[in-house]
Amino acid sequence: MGAATLMFNWLRAKLTSEQVMDVGDSSDLTRPNLKQLSESLTLPSPTRKDELWMAAIDDAMRLATYIPNQYVDGVKEAVISSTTTGRGLADLVPYIASIMEITPHNAHLIALDLTRKVFGNSNKQRMEKLGLKKWRWLHTGGGNNPFSEHVAMSGKIYRFDDPPVINSKTGQRGFPSDLLGCKCRMQAVISFDDEDD
């Protein structure tokens, strides 16, 4: 069963259980309920065999320009393993530290960044596959030195086909977690108005 079918079945069951029987115009009831549900929508988790998951890992590796070419294939396989069948960072950090001959602290920073990129790219691809056209930028704190552009974008809605500028110095356009150290996330936006599409 596909992700879209699972989401539809969940939405249908949720709406049916909440529907009020004594309503004149059902569209007035359905629109607010679906809008309310979309604010807390979660998408199913991918598996190792998931084509979108593998594409998300490829995208993450492409964005991780700080990994020397000779380590890309090994790190990619370690990311696949750690995010699907492994123990996450507990497996990925020692591998990166060993293969790249760097400190565990630096390996931890790289592993975190790669993991964020994979999950961020996966969520983006799943939203697009479900036919969503818009998403909301969510700034998540950013530590001591947050990207000022990302703080300003928090809560704003963007289209997948027109991503915002994420680095004003270079003019780079992209999505949450594309930049090194970015901890921002995207939230699905479901629009019910034809003019919004």
N, C-alpha and C. Protein backbone atom coordinates (compact mmCIF):
# COMPACT_ATOMS: atom_id res chain seq x y z
N MET A 1 0.85 -1.17 0.00
CA MET A 1 0.00 0.00 0.00
C MET A 1 0.90 1.23 0.00
N GLY A 2 0.66 2.18 -0.90
CA GLY A 2 1.48 3.36 -1.04
C GLY A 2 1.24 4.38 0.07
N ALA A 3 2.18 5.33 0.18
CA ALA A 3 2.10 6.36 1.20
C ALA A 3 0.85 7.22 1.03
N ALA A 4 0.50 7.53 -0.22
CA ALA A 4 -0.68 8.37 -0.47
C ALA A 4 -1.94 7.64 -0.01
N THR A 5 -2.03 6.33 -0.29
CA THR A 5 -3.19 5.55 0.13
C THR A 5 -3.27 5.49 1.65
N LEU A 6 -2.12 5.28 2.31
CA LEU A 6 -2.11 5.24 3.77
C LEU A 6 -2.57 6.57 4.36
N MET A 7 -2.08 7.67 3.78
CA MET A 7 -2.46 8.98 4.29
C MET A 7 -3.96 9.21 4.08
N PHE A 8 -4.47 8.86 2.89
CA PHE A 8 -5.89 9.04 2.60
C PHE A 8 -6.74 8.21 3.57
N ASN A 9 -6.37 6.95 3.79
CA ASN A 9 -7.14 6.09 4.70
C ASN A 9 -7.15 6.66 6.11
N TRP A 10 -5.99 7.17 6.55
CA TRP A 10 -5.91 7.75 7.89
C TRP A 10 -6.79 8.99 7.99
N LEU A 11 -6.70 9.88 6.98
CA LEU A 11 -7.51 11.09 6.98
C LEU A 11 -9.00 10.74 6.95
N ARG A 12 -9.37 9.77 6.11
CA ARG A 12 -10.77 9.36 5.99
C ARG A 12 -11.29 8.84 7.33
N ALA A 13 -10.54 7.99 7.98
CA ALA A 13 -10.96 7.43 9.27
C ALA A 13 -11.08 8.52 10.32
N LYS A 14 -10.11 9.43 10.34
CA LYS A 14 -10.13 10.51 11.32
C LYS A 14 -11.32 11.44 11.09
N LEU A 15 -11.57 11.80 9.84
CA LEU A 15 -12.70 12.69 9.54
C LEU A 15 -14.04 12.03 9.83
N THR A 16 -14.15 10.75 9.49
CA THR A 16 -15.40 10.03 9.72
C THR A 16 -15.73 9.99 11.21
N SER A 17 -14.71 9.75 12.03
CA SER A 17 -14.95 9.65 13.47
C SER A 17 -15.32 10.99 14.09
N GLU A 18 -14.95 12.10 13.43
CA GLU A 18 -15.21 13.42 14.01
C GLU A 18 -16.41 14.12 13.38
N GLN A 19 -16.97 13.54 12.34
CA GLN A 19 -18.04 14.22 11.61
C GLN A 19 -19.29 14.38 12.45
N VAL A 20 -19.91 15.51 12.31
CA VAL A 20 -21.18 15.79 12.99
C VAL A 20 -22.30 15.47 12.01
N MET A 21 -23.30 14.73 12.45
CA MET A 21 -24.35 14.26 11.57
C MET A 21 -25.33 15.37 11.16
N ASP A 22 -25.52 16.37 11.98
CA ASP A 22 -26.58 17.34 11.75
C ASP A 22 -26.01 18.62 11.15
N VAL A 23 -25.40 18.52 9.97
CA VAL A 23 -24.77 19.68 9.35
C VAL A 23 -25.39 19.88 7.98
N GLY A 24 -25.75 21.13 7.67
CA GLY A 24 -26.38 21.41 6.39
C GLY A 24 -25.40 21.30 5.23
N ASP A 25 -24.25 21.96 5.30
CA ASP A 25 -23.29 21.95 4.21
C ASP A 25 -22.03 21.23 4.69
N SER A 26 -21.80 20.01 4.24
CA SER A 26 -20.67 19.22 4.72
C SER A 26 -19.33 19.83 4.34
N SER A 27 -19.27 20.63 3.28
CA SER A 27 -17.99 21.22 2.90
C SER A 27 -17.52 22.21 3.96
N ASP A 28 -18.46 22.87 4.65
CA ASP A 28 -18.06 23.78 5.72
C ASP A 28 -17.41 23.03 6.87
N LEU A 29 -17.80 21.80 7.10
CA LEU A 29 -17.22 20.98 8.16
C LEU A 29 -15.90 20.36 7.72
N THR A 30 -15.86 19.84 6.50
CA THR A 30 -14.68 19.13 6.04
C THR A 30 -13.46 20.02 5.92
N ARG A 31 -13.60 21.20 5.35
CA ARG A 31 -12.46 22.09 5.14
C ARG A 31 -11.73 22.41 6.45
N PRO A 32 -12.40 22.86 7.50
CA PRO A 32 -11.67 23.15 8.74
C PRO A 32 -11.04 21.89 9.36
N ASN A 33 -11.74 20.75 9.29
CA ASN A 33 -11.17 19.53 9.86
C ASN A 33 -9.90 19.11 9.14
N LEU A 34 -9.91 19.12 7.80
CA LEU A 34 -8.72 18.75 7.05
C LEU A 34 -7.59 19.73 7.31
N LYS A 35 -7.92 21.01 7.39
CA LYS A 35 -6.90 22.02 7.69
C LYS A 35 -6.29 21.74 9.06
N GLN A 36 -7.12 21.43 10.03
CA GLN A 36 -6.66 21.13 11.37
C GLN A 36 -5.77 19.88 11.37
N LEU A 37 -6.18 18.86 10.65
CA LEU A 37 -5.40 17.62 10.58
C LEU A 37 -4.05 17.84 9.91
N SER A 38 -4.00 18.70 8.89
CA SER A 38 -2.76 18.90 8.15
C SER A 38 -1.67 19.53 9.00
N GLU A 39 -2.05 20.22 10.05
CA GLU A 39 -1.07 20.87 10.91
C GLU A 39 -0.25 19.86 11.71
N SER A 40 -0.75 18.66 11.92
CA SER A 40 -0.01 17.67 12.68
C SER A 40 0.23 16.40 11.85
N LEU A 41 0.19 16.52 10.54
CA LEU A 41 0.37 15.39 9.65
C LEU A 41 1.78 14.83 9.73
N THR A 42 1.90 13.53 9.88
CA THR A 42 3.21 12.88 9.81
C THR A 42 3.17 11.87 8.68
N LEU A 43 4.29 11.66 8.04
CA LEU A 43 4.39 10.75 6.91
C LEU A 43 5.04 9.46 7.35
N PRO A 44 4.72 8.33 6.70
CA PRO A 44 5.29 7.05 7.11
C PRO A 44 6.81 7.01 6.93
N SER A 45 7.48 6.26 7.79
CA SER A 45 8.94 6.14 7.73
C SER A 45 9.37 5.25 6.57
N PRO A 46 10.48 5.60 5.90
CA PRO A 46 10.96 4.81 4.77
C PRO A 46 11.74 3.57 5.23
N THR A 47 12.02 2.68 4.30
CA THR A 47 12.85 1.51 4.56
C THR A 47 14.08 1.57 3.68
N ARG A 48 14.99 0.63 3.90
CA ARG A 48 16.23 0.56 3.12
C ARG A 48 15.95 0.38 1.63
N LYS A 49 14.87 -0.29 1.29
CA LYS A 49 14.52 -0.55 -0.12
C LYS A 49 13.77 0.61 -0.77
N ASP A 50 13.42 1.60 0.01
CA ASP A 50 12.63 2.73 -0.47
C ASP A 50 13.45 3.58 -1.44
N GLU A 51 12.96 3.71 -2.68
CA GLU A 51 13.68 4.49 -3.69
C GLU A 51 13.83 5.95 -3.28
N LEU A 52 12.80 6.51 -2.65
CA LEU A 52 12.88 7.90 -2.21
C LEU A 52 13.94 8.07 -1.12
N TRP A 53 14.04 7.07 -0.24
CA TRP A 53 15.03 7.13 0.83
C TRP A 53 16.44 7.11 0.24
N MET A 54 16.65 6.24 -0.72
CA MET A 54 17.97 6.15 -1.36
C MET A 54 18.29 7.44 -2.12
N ALA A 55 17.29 8.03 -2.76
CA ALA A 55 17.50 9.30 -3.45
C ALA A 55 17.83 10.41 -2.44
N ALA A 56 17.19 10.37 -1.28
CA ALA A 56 17.47 11.35 -0.23
C ALA A 56 18.91 11.21 0.25
N ILE A 57 19.38 9.99 0.36
CA ILE A 57 20.77 9.77 0.77
C ILE A 57 21.72 10.28 -0.30
N ASP A 58 21.40 10.02 -1.57
CA ASP A 58 22.22 10.55 -2.66
C ASP A 58 22.28 12.08 -2.61
N ASP A 59 21.13 12.71 -2.39
CA ASP A 59 21.10 14.17 -2.29
C ASP A 59 21.94 14.66 -1.12
N ALA A 60 21.84 13.98 0.01
CA ALA A 60 22.62 14.37 1.18
C ALA A 60 24.12 14.28 0.90
N MET A 61 24.51 13.23 0.23
CA MET A 61 25.93 13.06 -0.09
C MET A 61 26.39 14.15 -1.08
N ARG A 62 25.53 14.52 -2.00
CA ARG A 62 25.86 15.59 -2.96
C ARG A 62 26.04 16.92 -2.23
N LEU A 63 25.21 17.18 -1.23
CA LEU A 63 25.29 18.42 -0.47
C LEU A 63 26.47 18.43 0.51
N ALA A 64 26.95 17.26 0.89
CA ALA A 64 28.03 17.14 1.88
C ALA A 64 29.39 17.28 1.18
N THR A 65 29.66 18.47 0.66
CA THR A 65 30.89 18.72 -0.09
C THR A 65 32.13 18.67 0.79
N TYR A 66 31.95 18.64 2.10
CA TYR A 66 33.07 18.59 3.03
C TYR A 66 33.65 17.19 3.18
N ILE A 67 33.03 16.19 2.57
CA ILE A 67 33.55 14.82 2.62
C ILE A 67 34.44 14.59 1.39
N PRO A 68 35.73 14.29 1.61
CA PRO A 68 36.63 14.04 0.48
C PRO A 68 36.12 12.89 -0.40
N ASN A 69 36.33 13.03 -1.70
CA ASN A 69 35.82 12.06 -2.68
C ASN A 69 36.15 10.61 -2.36
N GLN A 70 37.35 10.35 -1.84
CA GLN A 70 37.74 8.97 -1.60
C GLN A 70 36.93 8.30 -0.48
N TYR A 71 36.19 9.10 0.31
CA TYR A 71 35.40 8.54 1.41
C TYR A 71 33.90 8.50 1.12
N VAL A 72 33.47 9.10 0.02
CA VAL A 72 32.04 9.26 -0.24
C VAL A 72 31.30 7.92 -0.28
N ASP A 73 31.82 6.94 -1.01
CA ASP A 73 31.11 5.66 -1.12
C ASP A 73 30.98 4.95 0.22
N GLY A 74 32.07 4.93 1.00
CA GLY A 74 32.03 4.28 2.30
C GLY A 74 31.10 4.99 3.28
N VAL A 75 31.17 6.32 3.29
CA VAL A 75 30.30 7.09 4.18
C VAL A 75 28.84 6.92 3.76
N LYS A 76 28.59 6.89 2.45
CA LYS A 76 27.22 6.69 1.98
C LYS A 76 26.67 5.36 2.48
N GLU A 77 27.43 4.31 2.37
CA GLU A 77 26.98 2.99 2.84
C GLU A 77 26.77 3.01 4.36
N ALA A 78 27.63 3.70 5.09
CA ALA A 78 27.47 3.80 6.54
C ALA A 78 26.20 4.58 6.90
N VAL A 79 25.89 5.62 6.13
CA VAL A 79 24.67 6.40 6.36
C VAL A 79 23.44 5.53 6.10
N ILE A 80 23.47 4.77 5.00
CA ILE A 80 22.36 3.88 4.69
C ILE A 80 22.13 2.91 5.85
N SER A 81 23.20 2.28 6.28
CA SER A 81 23.10 1.30 7.36
C SER A 81 22.63 1.94 8.67
N SER A 82 23.21 3.07 9.03
CA SER A 82 22.88 3.69 10.32
C SER A 82 21.46 4.24 10.37
N THR A 83 20.91 4.62 9.21
CA THR A 83 19.57 5.21 9.21
C THR A 83 18.46 4.19 8.97
N THR A 84 18.81 2.96 8.66
CA THR A 84 17.78 1.96 8.39
C THR A 84 17.88 0.74 9.29
N THR A 85 19.06 0.17 9.41
CA THR A 85 19.18 -1.07 10.18
C THR A 85 20.15 -0.97 11.34
N GLY A 86 20.90 0.11 11.39
CA GLY A 86 21.92 0.25 12.42
C GLY A 86 21.42 0.93 13.67
N ARG A 87 22.37 1.47 14.42
CA ARG A 87 22.06 2.14 15.67
C ARG A 87 22.22 3.65 15.53
N GLY A 88 22.02 4.15 14.34
CA GLY A 88 22.08 5.59 14.12
C GLY A 88 23.47 6.16 14.31
N LEU A 89 23.55 7.25 15.07
CA LEU A 89 24.82 7.93 15.28
C LEU A 89 25.84 7.05 16.00
N ALA A 90 25.35 6.11 16.81
CA ALA A 90 26.27 5.22 17.53
C ALA A 90 27.13 4.40 16.57
N ASP A 91 26.60 4.11 15.38
CA ASP A 91 27.38 3.40 14.35
C ASP A 91 28.10 4.36 13.42
N LEU A 92 27.44 5.46 13.08
CA LEU A 92 27.98 6.37 12.07
C LEU A 92 29.18 7.17 12.56
N VAL A 93 29.15 7.67 13.78
CA VAL A 93 30.24 8.52 14.29
C VAL A 93 31.57 7.77 14.32
N PRO A 94 31.66 6.58 14.91
CA PRO A 94 32.95 5.89 14.93
C PRO A 94 33.46 5.56 13.52
N TYR A 95 32.55 5.23 12.62
CA TYR A 95 32.97 4.92 11.25
C TYR A 95 33.59 6.15 10.59
N ILE A 96 32.92 7.29 10.70
CA ILE A 96 33.44 8.52 10.08
C ILE A 96 34.76 8.92 10.73
N ALA A 97 34.85 8.83 12.04
CA ALA A 97 36.09 9.19 12.73
C ALA A 97 37.24 8.31 12.27
N SER A 98 36.98 7.02 12.11
CA SER A 98 38.01 6.07 11.71
C SER A 98 38.45 6.27 10.26
N ILE A 99 37.50 6.30 9.35
CA ILE A 99 37.84 6.34 7.94
C ILE A 99 38.45 7.70 7.53
N MET A 100 37.96 8.79 8.13
CA MET A 100 38.46 10.12 7.77
C MET A 100 39.60 10.58 8.68
N GLU A 101 39.89 9.77 9.71
CA GLU A 101 40.96 10.08 10.67
C GLU A 101 40.77 11.46 11.28
N ILE A 102 39.60 11.66 11.85
CA ILE A 102 39.27 12.92 12.52
C ILE A 102 38.81 12.62 13.94
N THR A 103 38.67 13.67 14.75
CA THR A 103 38.27 13.48 16.14
C THR A 103 36.81 13.01 16.22
N PRO A 104 36.47 12.31 17.29
CA PRO A 104 35.07 11.90 17.46
C PRO A 104 34.11 13.10 17.46
N HIS A 105 34.55 14.23 18.01
CA HIS A 105 33.70 15.43 18.02
C HIS A 105 33.38 15.88 16.60
N ASN A 106 34.40 15.99 15.75
CA ASN A 106 34.17 16.41 14.37
C ASN A 106 33.36 15.36 13.60
N ALA A 107 33.61 14.09 13.88
CA ALA A 107 32.84 13.02 13.23
C ALA A 107 31.38 13.11 13.65
N HIS A 108 31.13 13.46 14.91
CA HIS A 108 29.76 13.62 15.40
C HIS A 108 29.04 14.75 14.67
N LEU A 109 29.74 15.87 14.46
CA LEU A 109 29.14 17.01 13.74
C LEU A 109 28.80 16.62 12.30
N ILE A 110 29.71 15.88 11.65
CA ILE A 110 29.45 15.44 10.28
C ILE A 110 28.28 14.46 10.23
N ALA A 111 28.26 13.51 11.17
CA ALA A 111 27.18 12.51 11.21
C ALA A 111 25.83 13.18 11.44
N LEU A 112 25.78 14.15 12.35
CA LEU A 112 24.53 14.87 12.59
C LEU A 112 24.07 15.61 11.34
N ASP A 113 25.01 16.29 10.68
CA ASP A 113 24.65 17.04 9.49
C ASP A 113 24.14 16.12 8.38
N LEU A 114 24.82 15.01 8.17
CA LEU A 114 24.39 14.05 7.15
C LEU A 114 23.01 13.49 7.47
N THR A 115 22.79 13.14 8.71
CA THR A 115 21.50 12.58 9.12
C THR A 115 20.38 13.59 8.91
N ARG A 116 20.62 14.85 9.28
CA ARG A 116 19.61 15.89 9.05
C ARG A 116 19.32 16.05 7.56
N LYS A 117 20.36 16.02 6.75
CA LYS A 117 20.18 16.16 5.30
C LYS A 117 19.34 15.00 4.75
N VAL A 118 19.64 13.79 5.18
CA VAL A 118 18.90 12.62 4.69
C VAL A 118 17.42 12.73 5.07
N PHE A 119 17.14 12.98 6.33
CA PHE A 119 15.74 13.06 6.77
C PHE A 119 15.02 14.25 6.14
N GLY A 120 15.71 15.39 6.03
CA GLY A 120 15.11 16.56 5.39
C GLY A 120 14.79 16.31 3.93
N ASN A 121 15.74 15.72 3.20
CA ASN A 121 15.51 15.41 1.78
C ASN A 121 14.42 14.36 1.60
N SER A 122 14.40 13.38 2.48
CA SER A 122 13.37 12.35 2.41
C SER A 122 11.98 12.94 2.61
N ASN A 123 11.84 13.80 3.61
CA ASN A 123 10.54 14.43 3.85
C ASN A 123 10.12 15.27 2.66
N LYS A 124 11.05 16.01 2.09
CA LYS A 124 10.74 16.84 0.91
C LYS A 124 10.24 15.97 -0.23
N GLN A 125 10.95 14.89 -0.52
CA GLN A 125 10.57 14.02 -1.64
C GLN A 125 9.23 13.33 -1.40
N ARG A 126 8.97 12.92 -0.16
CA ARG A 126 7.69 12.28 0.13
C ARG A 126 6.54 13.27 0.00
N MET A 127 6.76 14.51 0.45
CA MET A 127 5.71 15.52 0.30
C MET A 127 5.40 15.77 -1.17
N GLU A 128 6.46 15.88 -1.98
CA GLU A 128 6.26 16.11 -3.42
C GLU A 128 5.56 14.91 -4.07
N LYS A 129 5.93 13.70 -3.67
CA LYS A 129 5.31 12.50 -4.23
C LYS A 129 3.81 12.46 -3.90
N LEU A 130 3.44 12.98 -2.75
CA LEU A 130 2.03 13.02 -2.35
C LEU A 130 1.28 14.15 -3.07
N GLY A 131 1.99 14.94 -3.85
CA GLY A 131 1.34 15.99 -4.62
C GLY A 131 1.29 17.34 -3.92
N LEU A 132 1.95 17.46 -2.78
CA LEU A 132 1.98 18.74 -2.08
C LEU A 132 2.86 19.71 -2.86
N LYS A 133 2.46 20.96 -2.87
CA LYS A 133 3.20 21.98 -3.61
C LYS A 133 3.84 23.01 -2.72
N LYS A 134 3.42 23.05 -1.46
CA LYS A 134 3.90 24.08 -0.54
C LYS A 134 4.40 23.47 0.76
N TRP A 135 5.24 24.24 1.42
CA TRP A 135 5.78 23.82 2.71
C TRP A 135 6.11 25.07 3.53
N ARG A 136 6.18 24.89 4.85
CA ARG A 136 6.47 25.99 5.77
C ARG A 136 7.88 25.77 6.35
N TRP A 137 8.68 26.83 6.36
CA TRP A 137 10.03 26.79 6.95
C TRP A 137 9.89 26.88 8.45
N LEU A 138 10.53 25.97 9.18
CA LEU A 138 10.52 25.99 10.64
C LEU A 138 11.94 26.11 11.15
N HIS A 139 12.26 27.26 11.71
CA HIS A 139 13.58 27.46 12.33
C HIS A 139 13.54 26.78 13.69
N THR A 140 14.57 26.00 14.00
CA THR A 140 14.53 25.20 15.23
C THR A 140 15.51 25.66 16.30
N GLY A 141 15.99 26.86 16.22
CA GLY A 141 16.87 27.36 17.27
C GLY A 141 18.24 27.74 16.76
N GLY A 142 18.90 26.82 16.07
CA GLY A 142 20.16 27.13 15.41
C GLY A 142 21.36 27.32 16.29
N GLY A 143 21.29 26.98 17.56
CA GLY A 143 22.46 27.10 18.41
C GLY A 143 22.85 28.54 18.69
N ASN A 144 24.15 28.75 18.89
CA ASN A 144 24.65 30.08 19.24
C ASN A 144 24.69 31.05 18.07
N ASN A 145 24.84 30.53 16.86
CA ASN A 145 24.97 31.37 15.67
C ASN A 145 24.00 30.94 14.58
N PRO A 146 22.71 31.21 14.76
CA PRO A 146 21.75 30.78 13.74
C PRO A 146 21.93 31.59 12.45
N PHE A 147 21.56 30.98 11.34
CA PHE A 147 21.56 31.69 10.06
C PHE A 147 20.46 32.74 10.12
N SER A 148 20.83 34.02 9.95
CA SER A 148 19.84 35.09 10.07
C SER A 148 18.73 34.95 9.03
N GLU A 149 19.08 34.48 7.81
CA GLU A 149 18.07 34.27 6.78
C GLU A 149 17.03 33.25 7.24
N HIS A 150 17.50 32.20 7.92
CA HIS A 150 16.62 31.12 8.35
C HIS A 150 15.70 31.56 9.48
N VAL A 151 16.20 32.41 10.36
CA VAL A 151 15.36 32.96 11.43
C VAL A 151 14.23 33.79 10.81
N ALA A 152 14.58 34.60 9.82
CA ALA A 152 13.59 35.46 9.16
C ALA A 152 12.58 34.65 8.36
N MET A 153 12.97 33.49 7.85
CA MET A 153 12.07 32.67 7.02
C MET A 153 11.13 31.81 7.86
N SER A 154 11.40 31.65 9.14
CA SER A 154 10.62 30.75 9.97
C SER A 154 9.14 31.12 9.94
N GLY A 155 8.32 30.12 9.64
CA GLY A 155 6.87 30.30 9.58
C GLY A 155 6.35 30.70 8.21
N LYS A 156 7.25 31.08 7.31
CA LYS A 156 6.82 31.49 5.97
C LYS A 156 6.60 30.27 5.09
N ILE A 157 5.68 30.42 4.14
CA ILE A 157 5.33 29.32 3.25
C ILE A 157 6.01 29.51 1.90
N TYR A 158 6.58 28.41 1.38
CA TYR A 158 7.28 28.42 0.10
C TYR A 158 6.75 27.30 -0.78
N ARG A 159 7.06 27.40 -2.06
CA ARG A 159 6.69 26.37 -3.03
C ARG A 159 7.91 25.51 -3.32
N PHE A 160 7.67 24.22 -3.57
CA PHE A 160 8.78 23.32 -3.91
C PHE A 160 9.46 23.74 -5.21
N ASP A 161 8.68 24.28 -6.14
CA ASP A 161 9.25 24.66 -7.44
C ASP A 161 9.91 26.04 -7.42
N ASP A 162 9.93 26.70 -6.26
CA ASP A 162 10.56 28.01 -6.13
C ASP A 162 11.14 28.16 -4.73
N PRO A 163 12.23 27.41 -4.42
CA PRO A 163 12.79 27.45 -3.07
C PRO A 163 13.39 28.83 -2.76
N PRO A 164 13.43 29.18 -1.47
CA PRO A 164 13.95 30.49 -1.09
C PRO A 164 15.48 30.54 -1.13
N VAL A 165 16.02 31.77 -1.08
CA VAL A 165 17.46 31.96 -0.95
C VAL A 165 17.82 31.58 0.48
N ILE A 166 18.74 30.62 0.63
CA ILE A 166 19.13 30.16 1.97
C ILE A 166 20.48 30.72 2.40
N ASN A 167 21.19 31.36 1.46
CA ASN A 167 22.48 31.98 1.77
C ASN A 167 22.56 33.27 0.95
N SER A 168 22.36 34.40 1.62
CA SER A 168 22.33 35.68 0.90
C SER A 168 23.69 36.06 0.33
N LYS A 169 24.77 35.54 0.88
CA LYS A 169 26.11 35.86 0.37
C LYS A 169 26.37 35.22 -0.99
N THR A 170 25.86 34.01 -1.19
CA THR A 170 26.09 33.30 -2.45
C THR A 170 24.87 33.30 -3.37
N GLY A 171 23.69 33.63 -2.80
CA GLY A 171 22.46 33.57 -3.58
C GLY A 171 21.92 32.16 -3.72
N GLN A 172 22.50 31.20 -3.00
CA GLN A 172 22.07 29.80 -3.10
C GLN A 172 20.63 29.67 -2.65
N ARG A 173 19.85 28.96 -3.46
CA ARG A 173 18.47 28.63 -3.12
C ARG A 173 18.43 27.19 -2.64
N GLY A 174 17.50 26.89 -1.75
CA GLY A 174 17.40 25.52 -1.29
C GLY A 174 16.36 25.33 -0.21
N PHE A 175 16.59 24.29 0.58
CA PHE A 175 15.62 23.82 1.55
C PHE A 175 16.28 23.67 2.92
N PRO A 176 15.47 23.52 3.98
CA PRO A 176 16.04 23.30 5.30
C PRO A 176 17.03 22.13 5.30
N SER A 177 18.10 22.28 6.03
CA SER A 177 19.19 21.31 6.21
C SER A 177 20.14 21.23 5.02
N ASP A 178 19.92 22.00 3.95
CA ASP A 178 20.85 21.98 2.82
C ASP A 178 22.22 22.53 3.21
N LEU A 179 22.23 23.60 4.00
CA LEU A 179 23.51 24.19 4.40
C LEU A 179 24.13 23.43 5.56
N LEU A 180 25.43 23.41 5.58
CA LEU A 180 26.17 22.76 6.67
C LEU A 180 25.75 23.35 8.01
N GLY A 181 25.31 22.52 8.91
CA GLY A 181 24.93 22.94 10.25
C GLY A 181 23.50 23.43 10.39
N CYS A 182 22.74 23.48 9.31
CA CYS A 182 21.35 23.94 9.40
C CYS A 182 20.50 22.87 10.08
N LYS A 183 19.75 23.29 11.10
CA LYS A 183 18.89 22.37 11.85
C LYS A 183 17.41 22.61 11.57
N CYS A 184 17.13 23.51 10.62
CA CYS A 184 15.74 23.84 10.31
C CYS A 184 15.02 22.64 9.70
N ARG A 185 13.69 22.72 9.73
CA ARG A 185 12.85 21.65 9.18
C ARG A 185 11.77 22.26 8.29
N MET A 186 11.10 21.40 7.54
CA MET A 186 9.96 21.86 6.74
C MET A 186 8.71 21.15 7.23
N GLN A 187 7.61 21.88 7.14
CA GLN A 187 6.31 21.34 7.54
C GLN A 187 5.41 21.33 6.31
N ALA A 188 4.74 20.23 6.10
CA ALA A 188 3.82 20.12 4.96
C ALA A 188 2.71 21.15 5.08
N VAL A 189 2.35 21.74 3.95
CA VAL A 189 1.22 22.67 3.89
C VAL A 189 0.24 22.10 2.88
N ILE A 190 -0.96 21.80 3.34
CA ILE A 190 -2.00 21.29 2.47
C ILE A 190 -2.96 22.42 2.18
N SER A 191 -3.10 22.77 0.92
CA SER A 191 -3.94 23.88 0.51
C SER A 191 -5.21 23.35 -0.11
N PHE A 192 -6.34 23.94 0.25
CA PHE A 192 -7.63 23.49 -0.27
C PHE A 192 -8.25 24.51 -1.22
N ASP A 193 -7.55 25.59 -1.47
CA ASP A 193 -8.07 26.63 -2.35
C ASP A 193 -7.40 26.50 -3.71
N ASP A 194 -8.19 26.46 -4.78
CA ASP A 194 -7.66 26.31 -6.14
C ASP A 194 -6.68 27.41 -6.48
N GLU A 195 -6.94 28.64 -6.06
CA GLU A 195 -6.05 29.75 -6.43
C GLU A 195 -4.70 29.64 -5.74
N ASP A 196 -4.57 28.83 -4.69
CA ASP A 196 -3.29 28.67 -4.00
C ASP A 196 -2.38 27.68 -4.72
N ASP A 197 -2.92 26.87 -5.60
CA ASP A 197 -2.10 25.87 -6.29
C ASP A 197 -1.38 26.55 -7.41
